[in-house]
N, C-alpha and C. Protein backbone atom coordinates (compact mmCIF):
# COMPACT_ATOMS: atom_id res chain seq x y z
N MET A 1 -2.01 48.04 9.43
CA MET A 1 -2.68 46.77 9.66
C MET A 1 -3.34 47.22 10.49
N LYS A 2 -3.35 48.33 11.24
CA LYS A 2 -4.65 49.00 12.18
C LYS A 2 -5.41 49.27 11.30
N LYS A 3 -5.38 50.46 10.21
CA LYS A 3 -6.25 50.54 9.19
C LYS A 3 -7.08 49.53 8.50
N ILE A 4 -6.55 48.47 8.57
CA ILE A 4 -7.26 47.27 7.97
C ILE A 4 -7.90 46.65 8.69
N ILE A 5 -7.66 46.83 10.28
CA ILE A 5 -9.05 45.90 11.36
C ILE A 5 -9.58 47.31 11.34
N VAL A 6 -9.46 48.52 11.21
CA VAL A 6 -10.88 49.26 11.47
C VAL A 6 -11.42 49.48 10.24
N ALA A 7 -10.91 49.56 9.32
CA ALA A 7 -12.01 49.07 8.05
C ALA A 7 -12.81 47.94 8.23
N LEU A 8 -12.26 46.86 8.56
CA LEU A 8 -13.03 45.47 8.42
C LEU A 8 -14.19 45.51 9.79
N SER A 9 -13.90 45.94 10.77
CA SER A 9 -14.76 46.38 11.44
C SER A 9 -15.90 47.32 11.55
N ILE A 10 -15.45 48.26 10.77
CA ILE A 10 -16.82 49.19 10.43
C ILE A 10 -17.56 48.61 9.15
N ALA A 11 -17.20 47.62 8.56
CA ALA A 11 -17.46 46.97 7.29
C ALA A 11 -18.32 45.75 7.58
N LEU A 12 -17.96 45.05 8.96
CA LEU A 12 -18.72 44.06 9.52
C LEU A 12 -19.79 44.48 10.45
N SER A 13 -19.72 45.59 10.95
CA SER A 13 -20.93 46.42 11.98
C SER A 13 -22.15 46.79 10.78
N PHE A 14 -21.68 47.01 9.69
CA PHE A 14 -22.91 47.41 8.68
C PHE A 14 -23.54 45.92 7.95
N ALA A 15 -22.60 45.08 7.79
CA ALA A 15 -23.08 43.90 7.05
C ALA A 15 -23.71 43.38 7.61
N ILE A 16 -23.73 43.08 9.40
CA ILE A 16 -24.86 42.28 10.31
C ILE A 16 -25.80 42.47 10.23
N PRO A 17 -26.50 44.17 10.23
CA PRO A 17 -27.89 44.00 10.32
C PRO A 17 -28.66 44.44 9.08
N THR A 18 -27.60 43.65 8.05
CA THR A 18 -28.01 44.10 6.62
C THR A 18 -28.55 42.49 6.58
N TYR A 19 -27.86 41.56 6.97
CA TYR A 19 -27.97 40.20 6.96
C TYR A 19 -29.35 39.86 7.63
N ALA A 20 -29.60 40.44 8.71
CA ALA A 20 -30.51 40.09 9.49
C ALA A 20 -31.75 40.52 8.87
N PHE A 21 -31.67 41.97 8.38
CA PHE A 21 -33.08 42.49 7.17
C PHE A 21 -33.14 41.77 6.06
N ALA A 22 -32.28 41.16 5.79
CA ALA A 22 -32.78 40.32 4.39
C ALA A 22 -33.49 38.73 4.59
N ASP A 23 -32.92 38.46 6.05
CA ASP A 23 -33.49 37.02 6.67
C ASP A 23 -35.36 37.59 6.69
N GLN A 24 -35.73 38.70 7.42
CA GLN A 24 -36.76 39.24 7.49
C GLN A 24 -37.42 39.62 6.37
N ALA A 25 -37.31 40.26 5.43
CA ALA A 25 -37.71 40.15 4.00
C ALA A 25 -37.87 39.33 3.33
N ALA A 26 -36.73 37.97 3.38
CA ALA A 26 -37.31 36.92 2.99
C ALA A 26 -38.97 36.30 3.98
N CYS A 27 -38.76 36.10 5.15
CA CYS A 27 -39.79 35.51 5.90
C CYS A 27 -40.93 35.94 5.70
N GLU A 28 -40.88 37.94 5.48
CA GLU A 28 -42.28 38.30 5.03
C GLU A 28 -42.88 38.10 3.92
N ALA A 29 -42.17 37.84 2.72
CA ALA A 29 -42.17 37.10 1.61
C ALA A 29 -43.12 35.53 1.44
N LYS A 30 -42.60 34.74 2.56
CA LYS A 30 -43.20 33.58 3.04
C LYS A 30 -44.57 33.58 3.75
N ALA A 31 -45.07 34.87 4.22
CA ALA A 31 -46.24 35.05 4.74
C ALA A 31 -47.41 35.27 4.32
N VAL A 32 -47.92 33.94 3.77
CA VAL A 32 -49.19 33.95 2.82
C VAL A 32 -50.08 32.91 3.31
N SER A 33 -51.15 33.02 3.04
CA SER A 33 -52.04 32.25 3.71
C SER A 33 -52.30 30.85 2.92
N LYS A 34 -52.79 30.06 3.12
CA LYS A 34 -52.97 28.84 1.95
C LYS A 34 -53.52 28.69 0.71
N GLU A 35 -54.41 29.80 0.51
CA GLU A 35 -54.56 30.53 -0.51
C GLU A 35 -53.46 31.30 -1.74
N GLY A 36 -52.92 31.51 -0.69
CA GLY A 36 -51.87 32.35 -2.02
C GLY A 36 -51.62 33.74 -1.38
N LYS A 37 -53.15 34.27 -0.61
CA LYS A 37 -52.85 35.64 -0.58
C LYS A 37 -51.89 36.25 0.69
N PRO A 38 -51.93 37.38 0.51
CA PRO A 38 -50.61 37.72 1.91
C PRO A 38 -51.44 38.00 3.03
N LEU A 39 -50.75 37.56 4.46
CA LEU A 39 -51.24 37.64 5.56
C LEU A 39 -50.96 39.15 5.82
N TYR A 40 -51.95 39.20 7.13
CA TYR A 40 -52.04 40.98 7.73
C TYR A 40 -51.92 40.70 8.91
N GLY A 41 -51.64 41.70 9.98
CA GLY A 41 -51.94 41.82 10.99
C GLY A 41 -50.82 40.91 12.15
N ALA A 42 -51.77 40.44 12.70
CA ALA A 42 -51.04 39.42 13.91
C ALA A 42 -50.87 37.83 13.36
N ALA A 43 -51.77 37.59 12.09
CA ALA A 43 -51.12 36.59 11.44
C ALA A 43 -49.78 36.32 10.63
N LYS A 44 -49.59 37.46 10.08
CA LYS A 44 -48.43 38.07 9.53
C LYS A 44 -47.19 37.83 10.47
N ASP A 45 -47.35 38.57 11.92
CA ASP A 45 -46.34 38.78 12.64
C ASP A 45 -46.27 37.49 13.20
N ALA A 46 -47.05 36.68 13.98
CA ALA A 46 -46.56 35.21 13.89
C ALA A 46 -46.05 34.25 13.08
N SER A 47 -46.45 34.34 11.65
CA SER A 47 -45.46 33.87 10.60
C SER A 47 -44.30 34.30 10.20
N ILE A 48 -43.78 35.57 10.57
CA ILE A 48 -42.40 35.88 10.62
C ILE A 48 -41.83 35.60 11.66
N LYS A 49 -42.28 35.78 13.04
CA LYS A 49 -41.81 35.04 13.74
C LYS A 49 -41.45 33.89 14.00
N LYS A 50 -42.37 32.88 13.77
CA LYS A 50 -42.10 31.58 13.42
C LYS A 50 -41.30 31.01 12.10
N CYS A 51 -41.12 32.09 11.26
CA CYS A 51 -40.07 31.67 10.00
C CYS A 51 -38.16 32.35 10.41
N MET A 52 -38.34 33.21 10.90
CA MET A 52 -37.28 34.08 11.78
C MET A 52 -36.26 33.04 13.01
N GLY A 53 -37.30 32.15 13.78
CA GLY A 53 -37.08 31.07 14.68
C GLY A 53 -36.67 32.03 15.90
N ASP A 54 -37.77 32.91 16.32
CA ASP A 54 -37.54 33.91 17.69
C ASP A 54 -36.77 33.11 18.74
N ALA A 55 -36.83 32.24 18.67
CA ALA A 55 -36.81 31.41 20.25
C ALA A 55 -34.83 31.69 20.61
N LYS A 56 -34.77 32.11 21.18
CA LYS A 56 -33.05 32.07 21.50
C LYS A 56 -32.51 31.25 22.72
N PRO A 57 -31.13 30.59 22.18
CA PRO A 57 -31.07 29.25 23.24
C PRO A 57 -31.37 29.98 24.60
N ASN A 58 -30.77 31.06 25.01
CA ASN A 58 -30.26 31.30 26.55
C ASN A 58 -32.37 31.58 26.90
N ASP A 59 -33.23 31.84 26.21
CA ASP A 59 -34.43 31.81 26.63
C ASP A 59 -35.13 30.63 27.03
N CYS A 60 -34.52 29.34 26.14
CA CYS A 60 -35.15 27.89 26.30
C CYS A 60 -34.55 27.34 27.10
N GLU A 61 -33.12 27.74 27.36
CA GLU A 61 -32.53 27.42 28.96
C GLU A 61 -32.78 27.90 30.34
N ALA A 62 -33.80 28.88 29.92
CA ALA A 62 -34.11 29.15 31.27
C ALA A 62 -35.40 28.43 31.27
N LYS A 63 -35.89 28.26 30.37
CA LYS A 63 -37.25 27.35 30.35
C LYS A 63 -37.10 25.91 30.70
N ALA A 64 -36.12 25.37 30.59
CA ALA A 64 -35.91 23.98 31.11
C ALA A 64 -35.87 23.72 32.28
N VAL A 65 -36.97 23.32 32.97
CA VAL A 65 -36.76 23.07 34.30
C VAL A 65 -38.00 21.72 34.26
N SER A 66 -38.04 21.11 35.60
CA SER A 66 -38.84 20.11 35.60
C SER A 66 -40.39 20.30 36.15
N LYS A 67 -40.75 19.21 36.67
CA LYS A 67 -42.18 20.27 36.99
C LYS A 67 -42.29 20.57 38.57
N ASP A 68 -41.31 20.08 39.04
CA ASP A 68 -40.75 20.62 40.13
C ASP A 68 -40.58 21.75 40.00
N GLY A 69 -39.88 22.61 38.91
CA GLY A 69 -39.38 23.73 38.97
C GLY A 69 -37.76 24.01 39.39
N LYS A 70 -37.65 22.55 39.03
CA LYS A 70 -35.84 22.11 39.41
C LYS A 70 -35.26 22.35 37.97
N PRO A 71 -33.56 22.64 37.50
CA PRO A 71 -33.26 22.95 36.45
C PRO A 71 -33.03 21.59 35.95
N LEU A 72 -33.74 21.32 34.91
CA LEU A 72 -33.19 19.59 33.66
C LEU A 72 -31.47 19.50 33.31
N TYR A 73 -31.23 18.60 33.54
CA TYR A 73 -29.68 18.21 33.20
C TYR A 73 -29.57 17.21 31.79
N GLY A 74 -28.27 17.02 31.27
CA GLY A 74 -28.50 16.05 30.26
C GLY A 74 -28.99 16.11 29.13
N ALA A 75 -29.61 14.86 28.67
CA ALA A 75 -30.45 14.57 27.58
C ALA A 75 -32.03 15.43 28.06
N ALA A 76 -32.69 15.16 29.12
CA ALA A 76 -33.53 15.94 29.39
C ALA A 76 -33.49 17.28 29.04
N LYS A 77 -32.07 17.78 29.19
CA LYS A 77 -32.24 19.57 29.20
C LYS A 77 -31.97 19.75 27.85
N ASP A 78 -31.34 18.91 26.62
CA ASP A 78 -31.15 19.20 25.48
C ASP A 78 -32.59 18.78 24.92
N ALA A 79 -33.49 17.97 25.05
CA ALA A 79 -34.81 17.85 24.27
C ALA A 79 -35.99 18.70 24.61
N SER A 80 -35.87 19.23 25.83
CA SER A 80 -36.67 20.79 26.44
C SER A 80 -36.07 21.82 25.42
N ILE A 81 -34.79 22.17 25.14
CA ILE A 81 -34.05 23.21 24.30
C ILE A 81 -34.68 22.82 22.63
N LYS A 82 -34.25 21.79 22.51
CA LYS A 82 -34.51 21.54 21.00
C LYS A 82 -36.18 21.77 20.92
N LYS A 83 -36.79 21.32 21.62
CA LYS A 83 -38.93 21.37 21.59
C LYS A 83 -38.66 23.10 21.80
N CYS A 84 -38.19 23.66 22.62
CA CYS A 84 -38.19 24.92 22.51
C CYS A 84 -37.67 25.98 21.49
N MET A 85 -36.77 25.32 20.78
CA MET A 85 -36.56 25.86 19.75
C MET A 85 -36.98 25.70 18.47
N GLY A 86 -38.18 24.58 18.42
CA GLY A 86 -38.76 24.40 17.22
C GLY A 86 -38.09 23.09 16.69
N GLY A 87 -37.73 22.23 17.27
CA GLY A 87 -37.10 21.02 16.58
C GLY A 87 -35.99 21.31 15.50
N LYS A 88 -34.97 22.43 15.68
CA LYS A 88 -33.94 22.53 14.84
C LYS A 88 -32.84 22.11 14.98
């Protein structure tokens, strides 16, 4: 039983980075201009970042503050986080 758990742990440790790499490859393939030409440089980086949904919930929670600098609560906090995450 212990060998099975160790084997599954090792297999999952290799599968997770591969999955993340597959997402990035898919986003790189989508990084094209309106004319269908591939993007380069900062435009490509921005497109990939947007595609991958680079905003993380913890980052967005830290940004969920009022104009006074006080933390938001309830529906206002949820709306702020949703807006920060890109409306997902």
